Amino acid sequence: MSKWLEKGQELAQRLEGVTESSKIQTLCDAIAAEIKEAYPEYKNSRAKPLTAVRKAIKAKFPDTTEQQNPFQYFTNSGKGNKERWEHLALKYLTRDSVGDTSEITETQPETQPETQITETQPETQITETMTITFNLTAEEQELAKQAIALTGQSADALGYNSFMAYVKSVVAQHERLKQDFPYTDAREVSTEELLTKKYNTFPGRGEELTRRAIAAIKIYNDNCTEHSQRWYISPSIVQKLTGTKAETVAKVCAQFQDDIASHHAKYGFVDPKKDQYHNRKPGQDIREQVDIVKLVPNG
């Protein structure tokens, strides 16, 4: 089996189940880029690998006399002007797509005469497009050049393959979460559950726990009968209450900065440098006083 016929079969496998024309074109553009990369100087040599790829697509998705799938489009191009519905990938895998000036000849299967079609069916239109641009630093560009040299792929092919690998990992992680957890959003999980080790890596856990901890301290302060019992809401005290990463706590506290400042002003906390140590005495542990599970049991 030739290298390009094998690549065509791999492309056909990736096309299985794909119906959006924009996604089909992206897959085809990637292999067209590989062909151009493999034959950078001899443009007229690109017809042979392109024909092999198209042959694999036709074998996997045969032409039909009527539209049977949403990924098909109507055409009568080629030898004999035979009217047919074929896979959209063949529309994007042409000699123009690889910059080849030679002819691509393919044998069309013989079919029985059909009733003349008086109205031409419209070709499938691209309804969704996605253009991705990477703004790389000088260092990142050097790394990309090294990767291109090591893999032998074009920049387009490498970018596409790397992007899709990440996309697949994100989707796979989501599918694993659906299997392991009854929730898809940290806001749906109870505080008691979020604080367990099982949810340590659950997406959004740190942010949600921080938000609830801030709310819990506010409720606790509102219920205090003496000012000395209240706690100043600082990132470090919130982190102690939740065990969340310092960066996450700092980010969420910044988001609720106005709300926290309003709460502090309500109880006379006006000097952050001084007030952040309020109620921090030897033996004092906020976790023993502010019960986040009891005060904010849910999101």
Protein backbone atom coordinates (compact mmCIF):
# COMPACT_ATOMS: atom_id res chain seq x y z
CA MET A 1 0.00 0.00 0.00
CA SER A 2 1.33 3.43 -0.93
CA LYS A 3 2.05 6.02 1.73
CA TRP A 4 -0.59 8.40 0.37
CA LEU A 5 -3.27 5.76 -0.01
CA GLU A 6 -2.70 4.91 3.64
CA LYS A 7 -2.95 8.59 4.58
CA GLY A 8 -6.14 8.79 2.54
CA GLN A 9 -7.60 5.89 4.50
CA GLU A 10 -6.64 7.60 7.77
CA LEU A 11 -8.38 10.76 6.56
CA ALA A 12 -11.46 8.73 5.60
CA GLN A 13 -11.56 7.34 9.14
CA ARG A 14 -11.39 10.85 10.61
CA LEU A 15 -14.17 11.98 8.27
CA GLU A 16 -16.52 9.29 9.50
CA GLY A 17 -19.37 10.94 11.37
CA VAL A 18 -18.30 14.47 10.38
CA THR A 19 -21.09 16.36 8.61
CA GLU A 20 -20.13 20.04 8.96
CA SER A 21 -18.53 21.32 5.78
CA SER A 22 -16.15 23.60 7.68
CA LYS A 23 -14.72 20.68 9.65
CA ILE A 24 -14.42 18.57 6.51
CA GLN A 25 -12.54 21.38 4.75
CA THR A 26 -10.18 21.76 7.73
CA LEU A 27 -9.28 18.06 7.59
CA CYS A 28 -8.73 18.25 3.84
CA ASP A 29 -6.63 21.41 4.08
CA ALA A 30 -4.34 19.65 6.53
CA ILE A 31 -3.56 16.73 4.19
CA ALA A 32 -3.27 19.08 1.21
CA ALA A 33 -0.65 20.98 3.18
CA GLU A 34 1.20 17.71 3.81
CA ILE A 35 1.26 16.94 0.09
CA LYS A 36 2.63 20.39 -0.73
CA GLU A 37 5.23 20.00 2.00
CA ALA A 38 6.31 16.62 0.60
CA TYR A 39 6.69 18.03 -2.93
CA PRO A 40 7.84 21.64 -2.43
CA GLU A 41 9.56 22.07 -5.80
CA TYR A 42 7.85 19.65 -8.16
CA LYS A 43 4.31 20.90 -8.31
CA ASN A 44 3.30 18.51 -11.11
CA SER A 45 4.24 15.55 -8.88
CA ARG A 46 1.45 16.32 -6.44
CA ALA A 47 -1.29 14.81 -8.63
CA LYS A 48 -0.30 11.21 -7.83
CA PRO A 49 -0.53 11.45 -4.01
CA LEU A 50 -3.69 13.55 -4.32
CA THR A 51 -5.27 10.92 -6.55
CA ALA A 52 -4.39 8.22 -4.00
CA VAL A 53 -6.02 10.20 -1.19
CA ARG A 54 -9.14 10.83 -3.28
CA LYS A 55 -9.29 7.12 -4.16
CA ALA A 56 -9.36 6.21 -0.46
CA ILE A 57 -12.16 8.72 0.16
CA LYS A 58 -14.21 7.33 -2.73
CA ALA A 59 -13.71 3.78 -1.46
CA LYS A 60 -14.97 4.73 1.99
CA PHE A 61 -17.75 7.03 0.74
CA PRO A 62 -18.95 5.87 -2.71
CA ASP A 63 -20.77 8.27 -5.05
CA THR A 64 -24.56 7.98 -5.14
CA THR A 65 -27.20 8.99 -7.67
CA GLU A 66 -29.24 10.72 -4.97
CA GLN A 67 -28.21 12.56 -1.85
CA GLN A 68 -28.08 10.09 1.02
CA ASN A 69 -25.94 11.97 3.54
CA PRO A 70 -25.60 15.61 4.65
CA PHE A 71 -21.87 15.58 3.81
CA GLN A 72 -22.54 15.01 0.10
CA TYR A 73 -22.72 17.63 -2.64
CA PHE A 74 -23.99 17.46 -6.20
CA THR A 75 -21.57 17.65 -9.12
CA ASN A 76 -21.23 16.65 -12.75
CA SER A 77 -17.55 17.56 -13.14
CA GLY A 78 -15.00 15.18 -14.61
CA LYS A 79 -14.94 12.79 -17.52
CA GLY A 80 -18.36 12.29 -19.10
CA ASN A 81 -19.97 14.97 -16.94
CA LYS A 82 -21.70 12.24 -14.94
CA GLU A 83 -24.18 13.68 -12.48
CA ARG A 84 -23.65 12.36 -8.96
CA TRP A 85 -23.54 13.09 -5.25
CA GLU A 86 -20.10 12.69 -3.73
CA HIS A 87 -18.35 13.40 -0.44
CA LEU A 88 -17.54 17.06 0.24
CA ALA A 89 -13.91 16.09 0.87
CA LEU A 90 -13.53 15.53 -2.88
CA LYS A 91 -14.64 19.10 -3.47
CA TYR A 92 -11.80 20.36 -1.30
CA LEU A 93 -9.17 17.85 -2.47
CA THR A 94 -8.49 19.14 -5.97
CA ARG A 95 -5.31 19.98 -7.87
CA ASP A 96 -5.92 23.63 -7.01
CA SER A 97 -5.81 22.79 -3.30
CA VAL A 98 -2.26 21.45 -3.66
CA GLY A 99 -1.13 23.94 -6.31
CA ASP A 100 -0.74 21.26 -9.02
CA THR A 101 -1.12 22.23 -12.65
CA SER A 102 -1.48 18.67 -13.98
CA GLU A 103 -4.71 16.81 -14.58
CA ILE A 104 -6.21 14.39 -12.07
CA THR A 105 -7.87 11.49 -13.84
CA GLU A 106 -10.17 9.14 -12.04
CA THR A 107 -12.37 6.39 -13.40
CA GLN A 108 -16.00 6.96 -12.60
CA PRO A 109 -18.15 3.84 -11.96
CA GLU A 110 -20.69 3.04 -14.65
CA THR A 111 -24.32 3.49 -13.70
CA GLN A 112 -27.62 2.81 -15.41
CA PRO A 113 -29.15 5.73 -17.33
CA GLU A 114 -31.21 7.96 -15.10
CA THR A 115 -34.19 10.18 -15.69
CA GLN A 116 -32.88 13.57 -16.78
CA ILE A 117 -32.60 16.01 -13.90
CA THR A 118 -34.12 19.32 -14.81
CA GLU A 119 -33.23 21.16 -11.64
CA THR A 120 -29.66 21.13 -10.38
CA GLN A 121 -29.42 20.48 -6.66
CA PRO A 122 -27.51 23.20 -4.79
CA GLU A 123 -24.09 22.36 -3.42
CA THR A 124 -23.70 22.13 0.34
CA GLN A 125 -22.77 25.55 1.67
CA ILE A 126 -20.29 26.21 4.44
CA THR A 127 -22.38 27.40 7.36
CA GLU A 128 -19.67 27.50 10.00
CA THR A 129 -16.04 28.55 9.69
CA MET A 130 -13.26 28.64 12.20
CA THR A 131 -10.03 30.49 11.61
CA ILE A 132 -7.37 30.14 14.27
CA THR A 133 -4.35 32.44 14.45
CA PHE A 134 -1.48 31.82 16.83
CA ASN A 135 0.33 34.94 18.04
CA LEU A 136 3.63 33.32 18.99
CA THR A 137 6.51 34.93 20.82
CA ALA A 138 9.99 34.68 19.32
CA GLU A 139 10.80 31.79 21.66
CA GLU A 140 7.58 29.98 20.76
CA GLN A 141 8.28 30.45 17.06
CA GLU A 142 11.66 28.77 17.48
CA LEU A 143 10.04 25.85 19.27
CA ALA A 144 7.47 25.57 16.48
CA LYS A 145 10.22 25.53 13.84
CA GLN A 146 11.98 22.74 15.71
CA ALA A 147 8.76 20.74 15.88
CA ILE A 148 8.17 21.23 12.16
CA ALA A 149 11.68 20.02 11.39
CA LEU A 150 11.38 17.01 13.72
CA THR A 151 7.96 15.86 12.50
CA GLY A 152 8.35 16.72 8.83
CA GLN A 153 4.90 18.29 8.85
CA SER A 154 3.94 21.65 7.44
CA ALA A 155 3.09 24.49 9.80
CA ASP A 156 -0.59 24.13 8.87
CA ALA A 157 -0.62 20.38 9.46
CA LEU A 158 1.31 20.61 12.72
CA GLY A 159 -0.92 23.42 13.99
CA TYR A 160 -4.05 21.49 13.10
CA ASN A 161 -2.85 18.19 14.59
CA SER A 162 -1.66 19.86 17.80
CA PHE A 163 -4.89 21.81 18.18
CA MET A 164 -7.05 18.75 17.58
CA ALA A 165 -4.99 16.68 20.04
CA TYR A 166 -5.72 19.28 22.72
CA VAL A 167 -9.39 19.49 21.74
CA LYS A 168 -9.72 15.71 21.99
CA SER A 169 -8.05 15.68 25.41
CA VAL A 170 -10.49 18.34 26.68
CA VAL A 171 -13.48 16.39 25.39
CA ALA A 172 -12.07 13.13 26.79
CA GLN A 173 -11.59 14.77 30.19
CA HIS A 174 -15.17 15.98 30.08
CA GLU A 175 -16.38 12.48 29.26
CA ARG A 176 -14.36 11.03 32.15
CA LEU A 177 -15.86 13.60 34.50
CA LYS A 178 -19.34 12.62 33.37
CA GLN A 179 -18.54 9.02 34.28
CA ASP A 180 -16.83 9.75 37.61
CA PHE A 181 -19.04 12.57 38.86
CA PRO A 182 -22.80 13.17 38.81
CA TYR A 183 -22.14 16.89 38.16
CA THR A 184 -20.63 18.93 35.35
CA ASP A 185 -20.45 22.27 37.18
CA ALA A 186 -18.77 22.96 40.53
CA ARG A 187 -21.71 25.20 41.46
CA GLU A 188 -23.93 22.11 41.54
CA VAL A 189 -21.75 20.28 44.09
CA SER A 190 -22.37 20.62 47.81
CA THR A 191 -19.69 22.33 49.90
CA GLU A 192 -19.16 19.17 51.92
CA GLU A 193 -18.41 17.20 48.75
CA LEU A 194 -16.20 19.91 47.24
CA LEU A 195 -13.97 19.80 50.31
CA THR A 196 -13.27 16.07 49.87
CA LYS A 197 -10.19 14.72 48.07
CA LYS A 198 -12.39 13.19 45.40
CA TYR A 199 -13.08 16.67 43.99
CA ASN A 200 -9.49 17.97 44.24
CA THR A 201 -9.10 18.12 40.45
CA PHE A 202 -12.70 18.96 39.58
CA PRO A 203 -12.85 21.97 37.19
CA GLY A 204 -13.77 25.21 38.96
CA ARG A 205 -13.50 23.69 42.44
CA GLY A 206 -11.02 26.24 43.79
CA GLU A 207 -12.93 29.22 42.47
CA GLU A 208 -16.25 27.96 43.82
CA LEU A 209 -14.85 27.12 47.27
CA THR A 210 -13.26 30.56 47.48
CA ARG A 211 -16.54 32.25 46.58
CA ARG A 212 -18.39 30.23 49.23
CA ALA A 213 -15.70 30.91 51.85
CA ILE A 214 -16.06 34.67 51.33
CA ALA A 215 -19.83 34.32 51.69
CA ALA A 216 -19.40 32.19 54.83
CA ILE A 217 -17.11 34.73 56.53
CA LYS A 218 -19.61 37.50 55.77
CA ILE A 219 -22.46 35.48 57.29
CA TYR A 220 -20.34 34.66 60.33
CA ASN A 221 -19.39 38.33 60.82
CA ASP A 222 -23.01 39.40 60.53
CA ASN A 223 -23.97 37.02 63.33
CA CYS A 224 -21.19 38.10 65.72
CA THR A 225 -22.22 40.02 68.83
CA GLU A 226 -18.79 41.62 69.36
CA HIS A 227 -16.44 43.23 66.88
CA SER A 228 -13.47 41.30 68.28
CA GLN A 229 -15.07 38.08 67.07
CA ARG A 230 -15.18 39.14 63.42
CA TRP A 231 -12.67 38.20 60.74
CA TYR A 232 -11.06 40.45 58.16
CA ILE A 233 -11.48 38.87 54.70
CA SER A 234 -7.99 38.53 53.21
CA PRO A 235 -6.71 36.06 50.59
CA SER A 236 -4.53 34.31 53.17
CA ILE A 237 -7.39 33.77 55.63
CA VAL A 238 -9.68 32.53 52.83
CA GLN A 239 -6.97 30.15 51.66
CA LYS A 240 -6.63 28.72 55.16
CA LEU A 241 -10.35 28.12 55.27
CA THR A 242 -10.49 26.31 51.92
CA GLY A 243 -7.01 24.93 51.26
CA THR A 244 -7.25 26.32 47.73
CA LYS A 245 -4.20 27.51 45.76
CA ALA A 246 -3.08 31.03 46.63
CA GLU A 247 -3.28 32.21 43.00
CA THR A 248 -6.87 31.06 42.68
CA VAL A 249 -7.89 32.70 45.96
CA ALA A 250 -6.21 35.97 45.00
CA LYS A 251 -7.97 36.00 41.62
CA VAL A 252 -11.43 35.40 43.08
CA CYS A 253 -10.90 37.91 45.92
CA ALA A 254 -9.99 40.49 43.28
CA GLN A 255 -13.24 39.76 41.45
CA PHE A 256 -15.23 40.38 44.66
CA GLN A 257 -13.08 43.33 45.74
CA ASP A 258 -15.93 45.86 45.86
CA ASP A 259 -18.23 43.52 47.75
CA ILE A 260 -15.52 42.68 50.28
CA ALA A 261 -14.61 46.36 50.72
CA SER A 262 -18.28 47.19 51.37
CA HIS A 263 -18.47 44.46 54.00
CA HIS A 264 -15.29 45.70 55.68
CA ALA A 265 -16.56 49.28 55.75
CA LYS A 266 -19.78 48.05 57.36
CA TYR A 267 -17.79 46.84 60.37
CA GLY A 268 -15.13 49.54 60.52
CA PHE A 269 -12.30 47.71 58.81
CA VAL A 270 -10.67 50.73 57.13
CA ASP A 271 -6.93 50.04 57.44
CA PRO A 272 -5.97 46.86 55.53
CA LYS A 273 -2.38 46.81 56.86
CA LYS A 274 -3.65 46.78 60.42
CA ASP A 275 -7.03 45.09 60.07
CA GLN A 276 -5.74 42.01 58.22
CA TYR A 277 -4.36 40.82 61.56
CA HIS A 278 -7.65 41.38 63.36
CA ASN A 279 -8.69 38.30 65.33
CA ARG A 280 -5.42 36.56 64.52
CA LYS A 281 -4.31 35.52 67.94
CA PRO A 282 -2.25 32.54 69.07
CA GLY A 283 -4.47 29.48 69.13
CA GLN A 284 -7.14 31.15 66.94
CA ASP A 285 -8.07 29.07 63.91
CA ILE A 286 -10.73 30.37 61.54
CA ARG A 287 -11.61 26.79 60.60
CA GLU A 288 -12.80 26.19 64.14
CA GLN A 289 -15.08 29.23 64.08
CA VAL A 290 -16.33 29.63 60.51
CA ASP A 291 -18.08 26.42 59.44
CA ILE A 292 -18.28 26.87 55.68
CA VAL A 293 -20.24 23.62 55.25
CA LYS A 294 -22.93 24.76 57.68
CA LEU A 295 -23.05 28.43 56.65
CA VAL A 296 -22.93 27.88 52.86
CA PRO A 297 -23.93 24.25 52.26
CA ASN A 298 -24.52 24.73 48.52
CA GLY A 299 -23.55 27.02 45.67
